[in-house]
Amino acid sequence: MDIFTLSFWFITLIWFIISISKDKKKTFHAVKMSGRMMKHIAGEMVGILFLIGLILTFLPPETIRQYAGQSNSIITTIVFAMVGCITLIPAFVAFPLAGSLVNAGASIVPIVAFLTTLTMVGIVTFPLEKKEFGTKFTIIRNSLSFAFAITIAFIMGVFL
């Protein structure tokens, strides 16, 4: 473990001890609640690992490197951004997937475009958003979000 992780464990342990000393009953109630929450999330976590494994099985690192790492940055970024626009997966699934793709050789710019459009643009949720906020607002918000996502991706490419 690195020093950063160890420091988080240490801080957590100290706060846990402080919490027990203040109110033992509330602390253990909170621990039980978080345990129940983890049981509900466990299936999704296994799904994340399965999804990442499945994607990396069918897309070997050479293919990922070829299409998302060495090809035309602008076209690849736009394609990944479009995939992010139409994909509806939770962010906690997308971040490990993105990390795995980067580790397999994908360039950071298309991956950032994928992540930002995934969280900022909603093609799948368009009908619901249109119903709640109106067509004009939804189109403007999604268009601006897409433009900003592409901009963010290229800025991250410069910094990283």
N, C-alpha and C. Protein backbone atom coordinates (compact mmCIF):
# COMPACT_ATOMS: atom_id res chain seq x y z
N MET A 1 0.83 -1.18 0.00
CA MET A 1 0.00 0.00 0.00
C MET A 1 0.88 1.25 0.00
N ASP A 2 0.41 2.27 -0.69
CA ASP A 2 1.16 3.52 -0.71
C ASP A 2 0.83 4.37 0.52
N ILE A 3 1.59 5.41 0.72
CA ILE A 3 1.44 6.27 1.89
C ILE A 3 0.09 6.99 1.90
N PHE A 4 -0.42 7.30 0.72
CA PHE A 4 -1.71 7.98 0.61
C PHE A 4 -2.83 7.08 1.16
N THR A 5 -2.84 5.83 0.74
CA THR A 5 -3.85 4.89 1.21
C THR A 5 -3.72 4.64 2.70
N LEU A 6 -2.49 4.45 3.15
CA LEU A 6 -2.27 4.23 4.58
C LEU A 6 -2.73 5.42 5.42
N SER A 7 -2.50 6.63 4.92
CA SER A 7 -2.94 7.80 5.67
C SER A 7 -4.46 7.87 5.75
N PHE A 8 -5.16 7.48 4.67
CA PHE A 8 -6.63 7.44 4.73
C PHE A 8 -7.11 6.40 5.73
N TRP A 9 -6.48 5.24 5.76
CA TRP A 9 -6.85 4.22 6.74
C TRP A 9 -6.63 4.73 8.16
N PHE A 10 -5.52 5.40 8.38
CA PHE A 10 -5.19 5.93 9.69
C PHE A 10 -6.20 6.99 10.13
N ILE A 11 -6.52 7.91 9.24
CA ILE A 11 -7.50 8.96 9.55
C ILE A 11 -8.87 8.35 9.83
N THR A 12 -9.26 7.38 9.04
CA THR A 12 -10.54 6.71 9.25
C THR A 12 -10.58 6.02 10.61
N LEU A 13 -9.52 5.34 10.96
CA LEU A 13 -9.45 4.65 12.25
C LEU A 13 -9.56 5.65 13.41
N ILE A 14 -8.90 6.76 13.30
CA ILE A 14 -8.96 7.78 14.37
C ILE A 14 -10.38 8.31 14.51
N TRP A 15 -11.02 8.65 13.38
CA TRP A 15 -12.39 9.15 13.45
C TRP A 15 -13.35 8.07 13.96
N PHE A 16 -13.11 6.83 13.63
CA PHE A 16 -13.94 5.74 14.14
C PHE A 16 -13.82 5.64 15.65
N ILE A 17 -12.62 5.73 16.16
CA ILE A 17 -12.40 5.68 17.62
C ILE A 17 -13.07 6.88 18.30
N ILE A 18 -12.94 8.06 17.71
CA ILE A 18 -13.60 9.24 18.26
C ILE A 18 -15.11 9.05 18.27
N SER A 19 -15.64 8.50 17.19
CA SER A 19 -17.09 8.27 17.10
C SER A 19 -17.56 7.27 18.15
N ILE A 20 -16.80 6.19 18.35
CA ILE A 20 -17.17 5.21 19.38
C ILE A 20 -17.14 5.85 20.76
N SER A 21 -16.15 6.67 21.01
CA SER A 21 -16.06 7.29 22.34
C SER A 21 -17.21 8.27 22.58
N LYS A 22 -17.73 8.90 21.54
CA LYS A 22 -18.84 9.85 21.71
C LYS A 22 -20.17 9.14 21.86
N ASP A 23 -20.46 8.18 20.99
CA ASP A 23 -21.74 7.46 21.05
C ASP A 23 -21.58 6.09 20.40
N LYS A 24 -21.36 5.11 21.22
CA LYS A 24 -21.10 3.74 20.75
C LYS A 24 -22.30 3.18 19.98
N LYS A 25 -23.50 3.44 20.47
CA LYS A 25 -24.71 2.89 19.86
C LYS A 25 -24.92 3.44 18.44
N LYS A 26 -24.78 4.75 18.27
CA LYS A 26 -24.94 5.36 16.94
C LYS A 26 -23.86 4.89 15.98
N THR A 27 -22.65 4.75 16.48
CA THR A 27 -21.54 4.32 15.63
C THR A 27 -21.80 2.93 15.08
N PHE A 28 -22.19 1.99 15.94
CA PHE A 28 -22.43 0.63 15.46
C PHE A 28 -23.68 0.54 14.59
N HIS A 29 -24.65 1.42 14.86
CA HIS A 29 -25.82 1.48 13.98
C HIS A 29 -25.40 1.94 12.58
N ALA A 30 -24.53 2.94 12.52
CA ALA A 30 -24.03 3.43 11.24
C ALA A 30 -23.22 2.35 10.52
N VAL A 31 -22.43 1.58 11.27
CA VAL A 31 -21.64 0.49 10.67
C VAL A 31 -22.58 -0.57 10.09
N LYS A 32 -23.66 -0.89 10.81
CA LYS A 32 -24.62 -1.87 10.30
C LYS A 32 -25.30 -1.36 9.03
N MET A 33 -25.66 -0.08 9.03
CA MET A 33 -26.30 0.50 7.85
C MET A 33 -25.36 0.47 6.64
N SER A 34 -24.11 0.82 6.87
CA SER A 34 -23.16 0.80 5.76
C SER A 34 -22.91 -0.63 5.28
N GLY A 35 -22.95 -1.59 6.18
CA GLY A 35 -22.82 -2.99 5.78
C GLY A 35 -23.96 -3.42 4.87
N ARG A 36 -25.18 -3.00 5.21
CA ARG A 36 -26.34 -3.32 4.36
C ARG A 36 -26.20 -2.65 2.99
N MET A 37 -25.71 -1.40 3.00
CA MET A 37 -25.52 -0.71 1.73
C MET A 37 -24.49 -1.44 0.87
N MET A 38 -23.44 -1.93 1.49
CA MET A 38 -22.40 -2.67 0.75
C MET A 38 -22.96 -3.96 0.15
N LYS A 39 -23.88 -4.60 0.86
CA LYS A 39 -24.50 -5.81 0.31
C LYS A 39 -25.24 -5.50 -0.98
N HIS A 40 -25.91 -4.34 -1.02
CA HIS A 40 -26.65 -3.95 -2.23
C HIS A 40 -25.70 -3.57 -3.37
N ILE A 41 -24.57 -3.00 -3.03
CA ILE A 41 -23.61 -2.56 -4.04
C ILE A 41 -22.74 -3.71 -4.52
N ALA A 42 -22.62 -4.76 -3.73
CA ALA A 42 -21.71 -5.87 -4.05
C ALA A 42 -22.00 -6.46 -5.43
N GLY A 43 -23.28 -6.63 -5.76
CA GLY A 43 -23.63 -7.17 -7.08
C GLY A 43 -23.16 -6.27 -8.20
N GLU A 44 -23.30 -4.96 -8.00
CA GLU A 44 -22.86 -4.02 -9.01
C GLU A 44 -21.33 -4.02 -9.13
N MET A 45 -20.64 -4.17 -8.02
CA MET A 45 -19.18 -4.21 -8.06
C MET A 45 -18.70 -5.44 -8.82
N VAL A 46 -19.33 -6.57 -8.60
CA VAL A 46 -18.98 -7.78 -9.34
C VAL A 46 -19.28 -7.56 -10.82
N GLY A 47 -20.39 -6.89 -11.10
CA GLY A 47 -20.74 -6.56 -12.48
C GLY A 47 -19.68 -5.68 -13.13
N ILE A 48 -19.14 -4.73 -12.37
CA ILE A 48 -18.09 -3.85 -12.88
C ILE A 48 -16.88 -4.69 -13.29
N LEU A 49 -16.44 -5.55 -12.38
CA LEU A 49 -15.28 -6.38 -12.68
C LEU A 49 -15.55 -7.28 -13.88
N PHE A 50 -16.74 -7.83 -13.96
CA PHE A 50 -17.10 -8.69 -15.08
C PHE A 50 -17.11 -7.90 -16.39
N LEU A 51 -17.71 -6.69 -16.37
CA LEU A 51 -17.78 -5.86 -17.56
C LEU A 51 -16.39 -5.46 -18.05
N ILE A 52 -15.54 -5.03 -17.14
CA ILE A 52 -14.19 -4.64 -17.51
C ILE A 52 -13.42 -5.84 -18.07
N GLY A 53 -13.55 -6.98 -17.41
CA GLY A 53 -12.89 -8.19 -17.90
C GLY A 53 -13.39 -8.60 -19.27
N LEU A 54 -14.70 -8.48 -19.47
CA LEU A 54 -15.29 -8.84 -20.75
C LEU A 54 -14.81 -7.92 -21.87
N ILE A 55 -14.81 -6.63 -21.59
CA ILE A 55 -14.36 -5.67 -22.60
C ILE A 55 -12.89 -5.89 -22.93
N LEU A 56 -12.07 -6.09 -21.91
CA LEU A 56 -10.65 -6.28 -22.15
C LEU A 56 -10.34 -7.64 -22.77
N THR A 57 -11.26 -8.59 -22.65
CA THR A 57 -11.09 -9.88 -23.30
C THR A 57 -11.35 -9.77 -24.81
N PHE A 58 -12.42 -9.06 -25.16
CA PHE A 58 -12.77 -8.94 -26.56
C PHE A 58 -11.99 -7.84 -27.28
N LEU A 59 -11.46 -6.92 -26.51
CA LEU A 59 -10.62 -5.86 -27.08
C LEU A 59 -9.22 -5.98 -26.51
N PRO A 60 -8.35 -6.70 -27.17
CA PRO A 60 -6.99 -6.84 -26.65
C PRO A 60 -6.27 -5.49 -26.61
N PRO A 61 -5.26 -5.37 -25.77
CA PRO A 61 -4.54 -4.09 -25.64
C PRO A 61 -4.02 -3.54 -26.97
N GLU A 62 -3.63 -4.41 -27.89
CA GLU A 62 -3.13 -3.94 -29.18
C GLU A 62 -4.23 -3.20 -29.94
N THR A 63 -5.45 -3.73 -29.90
CA THR A 63 -6.58 -3.09 -30.58
C THR A 63 -6.92 -1.77 -29.93
N ILE A 64 -6.96 -1.75 -28.61
CA ILE A 64 -7.24 -0.51 -27.88
C ILE A 64 -6.19 0.53 -28.21
N ARG A 65 -4.93 0.12 -28.19
CA ARG A 65 -3.82 1.04 -28.49
C ARG A 65 -3.93 1.57 -29.92
N GLN A 66 -4.31 0.69 -30.85
CA GLN A 66 -4.39 1.08 -32.26
C GLN A 66 -5.50 2.10 -32.49
N TYR A 67 -6.70 1.83 -31.95
CA TYR A 67 -7.84 2.69 -32.25
C TYR A 67 -8.01 3.86 -31.29
N ALA A 68 -7.60 3.70 -30.04
CA ALA A 68 -7.81 4.76 -29.05
C ALA A 68 -6.51 5.39 -28.58
N GLY A 69 -5.39 4.91 -29.06
CA GLY A 69 -4.13 5.45 -28.58
C GLY A 69 -3.28 6.09 -29.65
N GLN A 70 -3.27 5.49 -30.84
CA GLN A 70 -2.36 5.98 -31.87
C GLN A 70 -3.07 6.58 -33.07
N SER A 71 -4.38 6.42 -33.15
CA SER A 71 -5.10 6.92 -34.32
C SER A 71 -5.34 8.43 -34.19
N ASN A 72 -6.03 8.98 -35.17
CA ASN A 72 -6.31 10.42 -35.22
C ASN A 72 -7.02 10.86 -33.94
N SER A 73 -6.40 11.75 -33.23
CA SER A 73 -6.89 12.17 -31.92
C SER A 73 -8.25 12.85 -31.99
N ILE A 74 -8.46 13.69 -32.98
CA ILE A 74 -9.72 14.43 -33.07
C ILE A 74 -10.89 13.50 -33.38
N ILE A 75 -10.73 12.64 -34.37
CA ILE A 75 -11.79 11.72 -34.75
C ILE A 75 -12.07 10.74 -33.61
N THR A 76 -11.02 10.19 -33.03
CA THR A 76 -11.17 9.24 -31.92
C THR A 76 -11.87 9.90 -30.74
N THR A 77 -11.51 11.13 -30.45
CA THR A 77 -12.13 11.84 -29.34
C THR A 77 -13.61 12.06 -29.59
N ILE A 78 -13.97 12.44 -30.79
CA ILE A 78 -15.38 12.66 -31.12
C ILE A 78 -16.16 11.35 -31.07
N VAL A 79 -15.56 10.27 -31.56
CA VAL A 79 -16.24 8.97 -31.52
C VAL A 79 -16.46 8.54 -30.07
N PHE A 80 -15.43 8.66 -29.23
CA PHE A 80 -15.57 8.29 -27.83
C PHE A 80 -16.58 9.20 -27.13
N ALA A 81 -16.62 10.48 -27.50
CA ALA A 81 -17.60 11.40 -26.91
C ALA A 81 -19.02 10.98 -27.30
N MET A 82 -19.21 10.58 -28.55
CA MET A 82 -20.53 10.13 -28.99
C MET A 82 -20.96 8.86 -28.26
N VAL A 83 -20.02 7.95 -28.05
CA VAL A 83 -20.33 6.74 -27.28
C VAL A 83 -20.73 7.12 -25.86
N GLY A 84 -20.02 8.07 -25.28
CA GLY A 84 -20.37 8.53 -23.94
C GLY A 84 -21.74 9.17 -23.88
N CYS A 85 -22.14 9.86 -24.96
CA CYS A 85 -23.46 10.50 -25.01
C CYS A 85 -24.61 9.50 -24.97
N ILE A 86 -24.42 8.37 -25.62
CA ILE A 86 -25.51 7.40 -25.72
C ILE A 86 -25.42 6.27 -24.70
N THR A 87 -24.36 6.29 -23.90
CA THR A 87 -24.17 5.24 -22.91
C THR A 87 -24.79 5.66 -21.59
N LEU A 88 -25.49 4.76 -20.97
CA LEU A 88 -26.10 5.05 -19.67
C LEU A 88 -25.57 4.03 -18.67
N ILE A 89 -24.42 4.31 -18.12
CA ILE A 89 -23.84 3.48 -17.08
C ILE A 89 -23.43 4.38 -15.92
N PRO A 90 -23.49 3.86 -14.72
CA PRO A 90 -23.10 4.69 -13.57
C PRO A 90 -21.63 5.09 -13.65
N ALA A 91 -21.34 6.25 -13.11
CA ALA A 91 -19.97 6.76 -13.14
C ALA A 91 -19.01 5.84 -12.42
N PHE A 92 -19.46 5.20 -11.34
CA PHE A 92 -18.55 4.31 -10.62
C PHE A 92 -18.22 3.05 -11.41
N VAL A 93 -18.94 2.80 -12.47
CA VAL A 93 -18.57 1.72 -13.39
C VAL A 93 -17.65 2.28 -14.48
N ALA A 94 -17.94 3.49 -14.92
CA ALA A 94 -17.19 4.09 -16.02
C ALA A 94 -15.75 4.42 -15.64
N PHE A 95 -15.52 4.89 -14.42
CA PHE A 95 -14.17 5.28 -14.03
C PHE A 95 -13.19 4.11 -14.01
N PRO A 96 -13.54 2.97 -13.41
CA PRO A 96 -12.61 1.83 -13.50
C PRO A 96 -12.42 1.34 -14.94
N LEU A 97 -13.49 1.38 -15.73
CA LEU A 97 -13.38 0.99 -17.13
C LEU A 97 -12.42 1.92 -17.86
N ALA A 98 -12.54 3.21 -17.62
CA ALA A 98 -11.65 4.18 -18.26
C ALA A 98 -10.21 3.96 -17.83
N GLY A 99 -10.00 3.69 -16.55
CA GLY A 99 -8.65 3.41 -16.07
C GLY A 99 -8.06 2.19 -16.73
N SER A 100 -8.87 1.16 -16.91
CA SER A 100 -8.40 -0.05 -17.57
C SER A 100 -8.06 0.22 -19.03
N LEU A 101 -8.86 1.03 -19.70
CA LEU A 101 -8.58 1.36 -21.10
C LEU A 101 -7.28 2.17 -21.23
N VAL A 102 -7.08 3.11 -20.31
CA VAL A 102 -5.83 3.89 -20.33
C VAL A 102 -4.64 2.98 -20.07
N ASN A 103 -4.78 2.07 -19.10
CA ASN A 103 -3.69 1.12 -18.81
C ASN A 103 -3.41 0.20 -19.99
N ALA A 104 -4.44 -0.05 -20.82
CA ALA A 104 -4.26 -0.91 -21.98
C ALA A 104 -3.69 -0.16 -23.18
N GLY A 105 -3.50 1.16 -23.05
CA GLY A 105 -2.85 1.90 -24.12
C GLY A 105 -3.69 2.98 -24.77
N ALA A 106 -4.91 3.21 -24.28
CA ALA A 106 -5.74 4.27 -24.85
C ALA A 106 -5.19 5.64 -24.47
N SER A 107 -5.35 6.59 -25.35
CA SER A 107 -4.94 7.96 -25.09
C SER A 107 -5.89 8.59 -24.07
N ILE A 108 -5.38 9.52 -23.30
CA ILE A 108 -6.19 10.14 -22.24
C ILE A 108 -7.29 11.02 -22.81
N VAL A 109 -7.07 11.65 -23.96
CA VAL A 109 -8.05 12.60 -24.50
C VAL A 109 -9.38 11.93 -24.85
N PRO A 110 -9.40 10.84 -25.64
CA PRO A 110 -10.70 10.22 -25.91
C PRO A 110 -11.37 9.64 -24.66
N ILE A 111 -10.57 9.16 -23.72
CA ILE A 111 -11.15 8.60 -22.50
C ILE A 111 -11.80 9.70 -21.67
N VAL A 112 -11.16 10.85 -21.58
CA VAL A 112 -11.76 11.98 -20.86
C VAL A 112 -13.04 12.43 -21.58
N ALA A 113 -13.01 12.45 -22.91
CA ALA A 113 -14.22 12.81 -23.67
C ALA A 113 -15.35 11.83 -23.36
N PHE A 114 -15.04 10.55 -23.31
CA PHE A 114 -16.03 9.54 -22.97
C PHE A 114 -16.62 9.79 -21.58
N LEU A 115 -15.75 10.00 -20.60
CA LEU A 115 -16.23 10.19 -19.23
C LEU A 115 -17.04 11.47 -19.05
N THR A 116 -16.58 12.54 -19.66
CA THR A 116 -17.31 13.80 -19.47
C THR A 116 -18.66 13.79 -20.18
N THR A 117 -18.72 13.24 -21.37
CA THR A 117 -20.02 13.17 -22.03
C THR A 117 -20.93 12.16 -21.35
N LEU A 118 -20.36 11.13 -20.79
CA LEU A 118 -21.14 10.13 -20.07
C LEU A 118 -21.88 10.79 -18.90
N THR A 119 -21.22 11.69 -18.21
CA THR A 119 -21.82 12.31 -17.04
C THR A 119 -22.56 13.61 -17.35
N MET A 120 -22.23 14.27 -18.47
CA MET A 120 -22.81 15.58 -18.75
C MET A 120 -23.88 15.58 -19.84
N VAL A 121 -23.83 14.65 -20.77
CA VAL A 121 -24.76 14.64 -21.90
C VAL A 121 -25.66 13.42 -21.78
N GLY A 122 -26.95 13.61 -22.02
CA GLY A 122 -27.88 12.50 -21.87
C GLY A 122 -28.79 12.30 -23.05
N ILE A 123 -28.35 11.51 -24.01
CA ILE A 123 -29.21 11.19 -25.15
C ILE A 123 -30.30 10.22 -24.71
N VAL A 124 -29.92 9.24 -23.89
CA VAL A 124 -30.88 8.24 -23.42
C VAL A 124 -31.92 8.88 -22.51
N THR A 125 -31.50 9.86 -21.72
CA THR A 125 -32.42 10.52 -20.79
C THR A 125 -33.09 11.75 -21.40
N PHE A 126 -32.87 11.98 -22.68
CA PHE A 126 -33.43 13.16 -23.36
C PHE A 126 -34.95 13.26 -23.20
N PRO A 127 -35.72 12.19 -23.43
CA PRO A 127 -37.18 12.32 -23.31
C PRO A 127 -37.64 12.77 -21.91
N LEU A 128 -37.03 12.23 -20.89
CA LEU A 128 -37.40 12.62 -19.53
C LEU A 128 -37.02 14.07 -19.25
N GLU A 129 -35.83 14.46 -19.67
CA GLU A 129 -35.37 15.83 -19.45
C GLU A 129 -36.24 16.81 -20.26
N LYS A 130 -36.61 16.42 -21.47
CA LYS A 130 -37.46 17.26 -22.31
C LYS A 130 -38.82 17.47 -21.64
N LYS A 131 -39.34 16.43 -21.06
CA LYS A 131 -40.64 16.50 -20.39
C LYS A 131 -40.58 17.44 -19.18
N GLU A 132 -39.49 17.37 -18.42
CA GLU A 132 -39.37 18.16 -17.20
C GLU A 132 -38.95 19.60 -17.45
N PHE A 133 -38.05 19.84 -18.42
CA PHE A 133 -37.47 21.16 -18.60
C PHE A 133 -37.81 21.83 -19.93
N GLY A 134 -38.36 21.07 -20.85
CA GLY A 134 -38.69 21.63 -22.15
C GLY A 134 -37.64 21.28 -23.20
N THR A 135 -38.06 21.29 -24.44
CA THR A 135 -37.19 20.88 -25.55
C THR A 135 -36.03 21.84 -25.74
N LYS A 136 -36.32 23.14 -25.76
CA LYS A 136 -35.27 24.13 -26.02
C LYS A 136 -34.17 24.04 -24.97
N PHE A 137 -34.54 24.01 -23.71
CA PHE A 137 -33.56 23.94 -22.63
C PHE A 137 -32.72 22.67 -22.76
N THR A 138 -33.37 21.55 -23.02
CA THR A 138 -32.67 20.26 -23.10
C THR A 138 -31.68 20.24 -24.25
N ILE A 139 -32.08 20.75 -25.39
CA ILE A 139 -31.17 20.78 -26.55
C ILE A 139 -29.98 21.70 -26.27
N ILE A 140 -30.24 22.87 -25.73
CA ILE A 140 -29.15 23.80 -25.43
C ILE A 140 -28.21 23.22 -24.39
N ARG A 141 -28.77 22.65 -23.32
CA ARG A 141 -27.92 22.09 -22.26
C ARG A 141 -27.07 20.95 -22.78
N ASN A 142 -27.65 20.04 -23.54
CA ASN A 142 -26.89 18.90 -24.07
C ASN A 142 -25.85 19.36 -25.09
N SER A 143 -26.18 20.34 -25.92
CA SER A 143 -25.22 20.85 -26.90
C SER A 143 -24.04 21.52 -26.21
N LEU A 144 -24.32 22.38 -25.25
CA LEU A 144 -23.24 23.05 -24.51
C LEU A 144 -22.41 22.03 -23.74
N SER A 145 -23.07 21.05 -23.15
CA SER A 145 -22.35 20.03 -22.40
C SER A 145 -21.42 19.24 -23.30
N PHE A 146 -21.88 18.92 -24.52
CA PHE A 146 -21.04 18.20 -25.46
C PHE A 146 -19.82 19.04 -25.85
N ALA A 147 -20.06 20.32 -26.15
CA ALA A 147 -18.96 21.20 -26.53
C ALA A 147 -17.95 21.35 -25.38
N PHE A 148 -18.45 21.53 -24.18
CA PHE A 148 -17.56 21.66 -23.03
C PHE A 148 -16.82 20.35 -22.75
N ALA A 149 -17.47 19.22 -22.97
CA ALA A 149 -16.82 17.93 -22.75
C ALA A 149 -15.64 17.75 -23.70
N ILE A 150 -15.82 18.12 -24.96
CA ILE A 150 -14.73 18.03 -25.93
C ILE A 150 -13.60 18.98 -25.53
N THR A 151 -13.98 20.19 -25.12
CA THR A 151 -12.98 21.18 -24.68
C THR A 151 -12.20 20.67 -23.47
N ILE A 152 -12.91 20.13 -22.51
CA ILE A 152 -12.27 19.58 -21.30
C ILE A 152 -11.31 18.46 -21.68
N ALA A 153 -11.73 17.60 -22.60
CA ALA A 153 -10.88 16.48 -23.01
C ALA A 153 -9.57 16.98 -23.61
N PHE A 154 -9.64 17.96 -24.49
CA PHE A 154 -8.41 18.47 -25.11
C PHE A 154 -7.55 19.23 -24.10
N ILE A 155 -8.17 19.94 -23.18
CA ILE A 155 -7.39 20.62 -22.14
C ILE A 155 -6.69 19.60 -21.25
N MET A 156 -7.38 18.53 -20.89
CA MET A 156 -6.76 17.48 -20.08
C MET A 156 -5.61 16.83 -20.85
N GLY A 157 -5.76 16.72 -22.17
CA GLY A 157 -4.68 16.17 -22.98
C GLY A 157 -3.43 17.03 -22.93
N VAL A 158 -3.62 18.32 -22.82
CA VAL A 158 -2.46 19.23 -22.72
C VAL A 158 -1.80 19.10 -21.36
N PHE A 159 -2.60 19.02 -20.30
CA PHE A 159 -2.05 18.95 -18.95
C PHE A 159 -1.49 17.59 -18.58
N LEU A 160 -2.11 16.54 -19.10
CA LEU A 160 -1.64 15.19 -18.74
C LEU A 160 -0.82 14.64 -19.87
